[in-house]
Amino acid sequence: MSASPESASGMLLCFDDEQTIAQAAAAAAGLAFGVIQRHRFPDGELRLRLPESLPPRVVIWRGLHQPNEKLVELLLVAPAARQLGAEHLTLVAPYLAYMRQDIAFNPGEVVSQRVLGAWLATLFDAVITVDPHLHRVATLEEAVPVKDAIVLSGAPLLADFIASQRQDVLLIGPDEESQQWVARAAQRHGWQSGVCRKLRHGDRHVDIDLPDLSVAGRAVVLLDDVASSGHTVAQAARLLKAAGAASVDAAVTHALFAAGAVQLVHEAGVGQIWSTDCIPHASNAVSIVPAVAAALRELVATGRFTA
């Protein structure tokens, strides 16, 4: 584990599988850095070890893709960090899990956003995340009721990268829920944009209608917060190619991409896939580290990084 420099304004802790990105964020934010040690017992239980003493301000970096075991890690680590000296805990979760279920779509369904958000608020004083999947709630604070609920966006980062790769871009969202990110990215560069209408029949079966825009001969980029099964992006790409698009690329904040999804998307006519490094993936093209580091520095500068 890294030693804590006297001048550091706190410490950032992570697990070994996210050490590269977390250490870069710690350095950029002026935080000391440490890695939480893990041992897995034969029955699957975990033994975790933090530094022997912690400063009053501690940041825990844990991306919550493939979330279930990681949530157990947070359950164990957050109380232990307070026992070891942390007075203020910030969670940096570039991808925040269980946000899509914000209402009970069918009788008896668990509203996971509400349950998980309330639980995280018992562990942390602040949460920083990127493009959380919020649609029927207006703010992250409604979903995760902490003192500081900070939302960053990958849309402007992806927009700037797209501008370096393509000219005269037509930006398309694969469904209505992508409108907020498409509008923000399009406005940044003055691009024409629109969103598709989607009717979902299951996790891997969707019908899509293209927006009423001329796509013939255009460089089209499909932009969304997340790509998982790839079926929505693939269906939109097929329709765009059939409508005469000169090229179709895809840009997403969270590259979840289930097995076979990237191949499916490419076979549907998508050329390049670009993503942020919120989730490690071969498509990562832009980094969220500067944005996260700026948010952490702002917490300190405004005095909000206190218990």
Protein backbone atom coordinates (compact mmCIF):
# COMPACT_ATOMS: atom_id res chain seq x y z
CA MET A 1 0.00 0.00 0.00
CA SER A 2 1.12 3.52 -0.76
CA ALA A 3 2.27 5.67 2.11
CA SER A 4 0.09 8.63 2.97
CA PRO A 5 1.96 11.89 2.20
CA GLU A 6 1.70 14.58 4.83
CA SER A 7 0.40 17.09 2.30
CA ALA A 8 -2.39 14.90 0.96
CA SER A 9 -5.94 16.11 1.56
CA GLY A 10 -7.22 12.58 2.09
CA MET A 11 -6.77 9.05 0.80
CA LEU A 12 -8.29 7.13 -2.08
CA LEU A 13 -8.68 3.38 -1.63
CA CYS A 14 -9.49 0.85 -4.33
CA PHE A 15 -9.32 -2.86 -5.08
CA ASP A 16 -6.55 -4.37 -7.18
CA ASP A 17 -8.68 -4.84 -10.29
CA GLU A 18 -9.21 -1.06 -10.58
CA GLN A 19 -5.78 0.07 -9.41
CA THR A 20 -4.64 1.76 -12.64
CA ILE A 21 -7.56 4.14 -13.07
CA ALA A 22 -8.01 4.76 -9.34
CA GLN A 23 -4.33 5.57 -8.81
CA ALA A 24 -4.43 8.03 -11.71
CA ALA A 25 -7.46 9.73 -10.15
CA ALA A 26 -5.79 9.88 -6.74
CA ALA A 27 -2.69 11.52 -8.21
CA ALA A 28 -4.76 14.04 -10.18
CA ALA A 29 -6.85 14.92 -7.11
CA GLY A 30 -3.88 15.22 -4.74
CA LEU A 31 -4.92 12.25 -2.62
CA ALA A 32 -2.80 9.57 -1.02
CA PHE A 33 -3.47 6.13 -2.43
CA GLY A 34 -3.95 2.64 -1.07
CA VAL A 35 -5.11 -0.75 -2.29
CA ILE A 36 -7.51 -2.85 -0.23
CA GLN A 37 -6.13 -6.35 0.08
CA ARG A 38 -8.46 -9.27 -0.64
CA HIS A 39 -8.30 -12.94 0.23
CA ARG A 40 -10.98 -15.34 -0.93
CA PHE A 41 -11.73 -18.36 1.23
CA PRO A 42 -12.65 -21.68 -0.43
CA ASP A 43 -16.34 -21.10 0.34
CA GLY A 44 -16.28 -17.73 -1.44
CA GLU A 45 -16.20 -15.46 1.61
CA LEU A 46 -13.80 -12.53 1.56
CA ARG A 47 -11.18 -11.32 3.98
CA LEU A 48 -10.41 -7.64 3.36
CA ARG A 49 -7.60 -5.52 4.77
CA LEU A 50 -7.35 -1.73 4.76
CA PRO A 51 -4.41 0.43 5.87
CA GLU A 52 -3.96 0.32 9.64
CA SER A 53 -4.97 3.97 10.05
CA LEU A 54 -6.84 6.33 7.76
CA PRO A 55 -7.09 10.11 7.46
CA PRO A 56 -10.40 11.85 8.19
CA ARG A 57 -11.26 12.07 4.47
CA VAL A 58 -11.39 8.80 2.53
CA VAL A 59 -12.54 8.03 -1.00
CA ILE A 60 -13.42 4.47 -2.00
CA TRP A 61 -13.32 3.76 -5.73
CA ARG A 62 -15.55 0.87 -6.77
CA GLY A 63 -17.16 0.58 -10.18
CA LEU A 64 -20.37 -1.40 -9.76
CA HIS A 65 -20.60 -3.28 -13.04
CA GLN A 66 -21.06 -7.00 -12.23
CA PRO A 67 -22.18 -5.59 -8.90
CA ASN A 68 -23.33 -8.24 -6.48
CA GLU A 69 -20.02 -9.23 -4.85
CA LYS A 70 -18.78 -5.63 -5.05
CA LEU A 71 -21.74 -4.50 -2.98
CA VAL A 72 -20.71 -6.99 -0.30
CA GLU A 73 -17.22 -5.47 -0.41
CA LEU A 74 -18.68 -2.02 0.24
CA LEU A 75 -20.82 -3.43 3.05
CA LEU A 76 -17.64 -4.65 4.75
CA VAL A 77 -15.22 -1.87 3.85
CA ALA A 78 -17.19 1.30 4.66
CA PRO A 79 -17.80 0.59 8.38
CA ALA A 80 -14.22 -0.66 8.76
CA ALA A 81 -12.89 2.56 7.21
CA ARG A 82 -14.76 4.61 9.80
CA GLN A 83 -13.38 2.46 12.61
CA LEU A 84 -9.87 3.11 11.26
CA GLY A 85 -10.23 6.89 11.37
CA ALA A 86 -12.31 7.99 8.37
CA GLU A 87 -14.82 10.70 9.28
CA HIS A 88 -16.04 11.43 5.75
CA LEU A 89 -16.47 8.72 3.11
CA THR A 90 -16.95 9.33 -0.59
CA LEU A 91 -17.87 6.55 -2.99
CA VAL A 92 -16.67 6.91 -6.57
CA ALA A 93 -18.73 4.45 -8.60
CA PRO A 94 -18.23 5.33 -12.28
CA TYR A 95 -21.01 2.87 -13.07
CA LEU A 96 -23.80 2.79 -10.50
CA ALA A 97 -25.72 -0.49 -10.50
CA TYR A 98 -29.42 -1.19 -9.99
CA MET A 99 -30.58 2.23 -11.17
CA ARG A 100 -32.80 1.02 -14.06
CA GLN A 101 -35.50 -0.43 -11.77
CA ASP A 102 -36.92 2.84 -10.46
CA ILE A 103 -40.55 1.72 -10.29
CA ALA A 104 -42.37 -1.60 -9.91
CA PHE A 105 -43.23 -2.42 -13.52
CA ASN A 106 -45.17 -5.48 -12.33
CA PRO A 107 -46.85 -6.21 -8.98
CA GLY A 108 -44.40 -7.47 -6.38
CA GLU A 109 -41.22 -6.29 -8.10
CA VAL A 110 -38.48 -4.85 -5.91
CA VAL A 111 -37.68 -1.22 -6.73
CA SER A 112 -33.94 -1.83 -6.62
CA GLN A 113 -32.95 1.80 -7.18
CA ARG A 114 -34.76 2.87 -4.04
CA VAL A 115 -33.41 0.01 -1.94
CA LEU A 116 -29.80 0.28 -3.06
CA GLY A 117 -29.76 4.07 -2.92
CA ALA A 118 -31.06 4.17 0.64
CA TRP A 119 -28.51 1.55 1.69
CA LEU A 120 -25.56 3.39 0.10
CA ALA A 121 -26.65 6.52 1.95
CA THR A 122 -26.15 4.70 5.26
CA LEU A 123 -22.52 3.97 4.31
CA PHE A 124 -21.30 7.09 2.50
CA ASP A 125 -21.45 10.87 2.87
CA ALA A 126 -20.95 11.56 -0.83
CA VAL A 127 -21.33 9.63 -4.08
CA ILE A 128 -19.76 10.48 -7.43
CA THR A 129 -20.94 8.63 -10.51
CA VAL A 130 -21.11 9.04 -14.29
CA ASP A 131 -24.34 9.10 -16.33
CA PRO A 132 -26.49 7.10 -13.92
CA HIS A 133 -29.52 5.43 -15.50
CA LEU A 134 -32.11 7.84 -14.08
CA HIS A 135 -35.35 8.44 -15.95
CA ARG A 136 -38.33 8.74 -13.63
CA VAL A 137 -36.42 10.59 -10.91
CA ALA A 138 -34.99 14.04 -11.54
CA THR A 139 -31.75 13.91 -9.54
CA LEU A 140 -29.25 11.41 -8.20
CA GLU A 141 -29.97 12.71 -4.70
CA GLU A 142 -33.52 11.36 -5.00
CA ALA A 143 -32.12 7.91 -5.74
CA VAL A 144 -29.14 8.06 -3.36
CA PRO A 145 -30.00 10.49 -0.53
CA VAL A 146 -26.49 11.49 0.54
CA LYS A 147 -25.22 14.96 1.44
CA ASP A 148 -23.41 15.28 -1.90
CA ALA A 149 -24.72 13.27 -4.85
CA ILE A 150 -22.55 14.28 -7.80
CA VAL A 151 -23.30 13.31 -11.41
CA LEU A 152 -20.64 13.60 -14.09
CA SER A 153 -21.30 12.94 -17.77
CA GLY A 154 -19.44 11.06 -20.44
CA ALA A 155 -21.45 12.76 -23.20
CA PRO A 156 -19.24 15.85 -23.61
CA LEU A 157 -16.09 13.73 -23.42
CA LEU A 158 -17.39 11.40 -26.12
CA ALA A 159 -18.61 14.35 -28.19
CA ASP A 160 -15.15 15.91 -28.23
CA PHE A 161 -13.60 12.62 -29.26
CA ILE A 162 -16.20 12.06 -31.99
CA ALA A 163 -15.44 15.55 -33.33
CA SER A 164 -11.80 14.52 -33.72
CA GLN A 165 -12.79 11.43 -35.71
CA ARG A 166 -15.77 12.43 -37.89
CA GLN A 167 -17.00 15.53 -39.74
CA ASP A 168 -20.59 16.72 -40.24
CA VAL A 169 -21.88 14.26 -37.66
CA LEU A 170 -25.51 13.24 -37.32
CA LEU A 171 -25.96 12.14 -33.73
CA ILE A 172 -28.70 9.58 -33.08
CA GLY A 173 -29.93 8.11 -29.80
CA PRO A 174 -31.08 4.48 -30.10
CA ASP A 175 -34.14 5.13 -27.89
CA GLU A 176 -36.06 7.93 -26.18
CA GLU A 177 -34.16 7.47 -22.91
CA SER A 178 -30.93 8.54 -24.62
CA GLN A 179 -32.32 12.02 -25.36
CA GLN A 180 -30.58 13.73 -22.43
CA TRP A 181 -27.11 12.58 -23.49
CA VAL A 182 -27.65 13.05 -27.22
CA ALA A 183 -28.93 16.60 -26.75
CA ARG A 184 -25.99 17.56 -24.56
CA ALA A 185 -23.39 16.12 -26.94
CA ALA A 186 -25.04 17.55 -30.05
CA GLN A 187 -25.32 21.05 -28.58
CA ARG A 188 -21.64 21.04 -27.69
CA HIS A 189 -20.65 20.85 -31.37
CA GLY A 190 -23.75 22.16 -33.13
CA TRP A 191 -24.64 18.79 -34.61
CA GLN A 192 -28.02 17.73 -35.92
CA SER A 193 -29.54 15.04 -33.74
CA GLY A 194 -32.56 12.88 -33.08
CA VAL A 195 -33.63 9.79 -31.17
CA CYS A 196 -35.24 6.54 -32.20
CA ARG A 197 -38.48 5.16 -30.79
CA LYS A 198 -38.04 1.75 -29.20
CA LEU A 199 -40.49 -0.97 -28.29
CA ARG A 200 -38.82 -3.59 -26.13
CA HIS A 201 -40.16 -7.15 -26.17
CA GLY A 202 -37.41 -8.60 -23.97
CA ASP A 203 -33.72 -8.23 -23.11
CA ARG A 204 -32.70 -9.24 -26.64
CA HIS A 205 -35.72 -8.36 -28.81
CA VAL A 206 -36.53 -4.77 -29.70
CA ASP A 207 -38.35 -2.92 -32.48
CA ILE A 208 -37.09 0.53 -33.49
CA ASP A 209 -38.36 3.43 -35.59
CA LEU A 210 -35.79 5.94 -36.86
CA PRO A 211 -36.34 9.67 -36.28
CA ASP A 212 -37.70 11.71 -39.18
CA LEU A 213 -34.31 12.87 -40.40
CA SER A 214 -32.44 12.43 -43.66
CA VAL A 215 -29.52 10.07 -43.03
CA ALA A 216 -28.46 9.34 -46.61
CA GLY A 217 -24.75 9.98 -47.08
CA ARG A 218 -24.30 11.10 -43.47
CA ALA A 219 -21.70 10.08 -40.88
CA VAL A 220 -24.04 8.82 -38.16
CA VAL A 221 -22.96 8.16 -34.59
CA LEU A 222 -25.25 6.29 -32.20
CA LEU A 223 -24.77 7.64 -28.68
CA ASP A 224 -26.14 6.27 -25.40
CA ASP A 225 -25.28 5.93 -21.74
CA VAL A 226 -24.90 2.14 -21.80
CA ALA A 227 -24.60 -0.77 -24.20
CA SER A 228 -25.24 -4.24 -22.79
CA SER A 229 -26.73 -6.90 -25.05
CA GLY A 230 -26.07 -4.71 -28.11
CA HIS A 231 -29.44 -5.50 -29.69
CA THR A 232 -30.79 -1.94 -29.56
CA VAL A 233 -27.64 -0.48 -31.13
CA ALA A 234 -27.54 -3.28 -33.72
CA GLN A 235 -31.16 -2.80 -34.79
CA ALA A 236 -30.70 0.95 -35.10
CA ALA A 237 -27.52 0.44 -37.13
CA ARG A 238 -29.27 -1.90 -39.57
CA LEU A 239 -32.01 0.64 -40.18
CA LEU A 240 -29.53 3.49 -40.60
CA LYS A 241 -27.44 1.56 -43.11
CA ALA A 242 -30.58 0.59 -45.02
CA ALA A 243 -31.55 4.28 -45.09
CA GLY A 244 -28.25 5.13 -46.77
CA ALA A 245 -25.97 6.30 -43.95
CA ALA A 246 -22.40 6.61 -45.21
CA SER A 247 -21.09 5.29 -41.90
CA VAL A 248 -22.47 4.25 -38.53
CA ASP A 249 -20.35 4.31 -35.39
CA ALA A 250 -21.34 3.94 -31.74
CA ALA A 251 -20.31 5.86 -28.61
CA VAL A 252 -21.34 4.85 -25.08
CA THR A 253 -20.45 5.95 -21.59
CA HIS A 254 -20.69 2.46 -20.10
CA ALA A 255 -19.38 -0.40 -22.24
CA LEU A 256 -21.07 -3.29 -20.43
CA PHE A 257 -21.23 -5.41 -23.62
CA ALA A 258 -22.34 -8.94 -22.79
CA ALA A 259 -20.70 -11.90 -24.52
CA GLY A 260 -21.17 -11.68 -28.27
CA ALA A 261 -22.52 -8.12 -28.17
CA VAL A 262 -19.59 -6.44 -29.90
CA GLN A 263 -19.67 -8.96 -32.75
CA LEU A 264 -23.42 -8.47 -33.09
CA VAL A 265 -23.02 -4.69 -33.32
CA HIS A 266 -20.24 -4.87 -35.91
CA GLU A 267 -22.18 -7.38 -38.01
CA ALA A 268 -25.10 -4.94 -38.01
CA GLY A 269 -22.94 -2.33 -39.71
CA VAL A 270 -21.31 -0.39 -36.87
CA GLY A 271 -17.75 0.58 -37.73
CA GLN A 272 -16.07 1.99 -34.65
CA ILE A 273 -17.17 1.63 -31.03
CA TRP A 274 -15.96 4.30 -28.62
CA SER A 275 -16.50 4.36 -24.86
CA THR A 276 -15.29 6.02 -21.70
CA ASP A 277 -13.14 4.07 -19.26
CA CYS A 278 -15.91 3.95 -16.64
CA ILE A 279 -15.85 0.22 -17.40
CA PRO A 280 -12.63 -1.34 -18.72
CA HIS A 281 -13.16 -2.44 -22.34
CA ALA A 282 -11.24 -2.61 -25.60
CA SER A 283 -13.38 0.25 -26.91
CA ASN A 284 -12.24 2.74 -24.24
CA ALA A 285 -11.36 5.97 -26.03
CA VAL A 286 -11.68 8.73 -23.42
CA SER A 287 -10.91 8.89 -19.71
CA ILE A 288 -13.14 10.07 -16.88
CA VAL A 289 -10.13 10.59 -14.58
CA PRO A 290 -9.81 14.37 -15.07
CA ALA A 291 -13.54 14.90 -14.43
CA VAL A 292 -13.56 12.72 -11.30
CA ALA A 293 -10.40 14.37 -9.97
CA ALA A 294 -11.93 17.81 -10.50
CA ALA A 295 -15.06 16.76 -8.60
CA LEU A 296 -12.95 15.48 -5.70
CA ARG A 297 -10.92 18.68 -5.60
CA GLU A 298 -14.16 20.69 -5.62
CA LEU A 299 -15.43 18.76 -2.60
CA VAL A 300 -12.31 19.77 -0.71
CA ALA A 301 -12.23 23.37 -1.95
CA THR A 302 -15.83 24.06 -0.99
CA GLY A 303 -15.50 22.46 2.42
CA ARG A 304 -18.08 19.83 1.52
CA PHE A 305 -15.43 17.12 1.95
CA THR A 306 -16.01 17.11 5.71
CA ALA A 307 -18.12 15.02 8.04
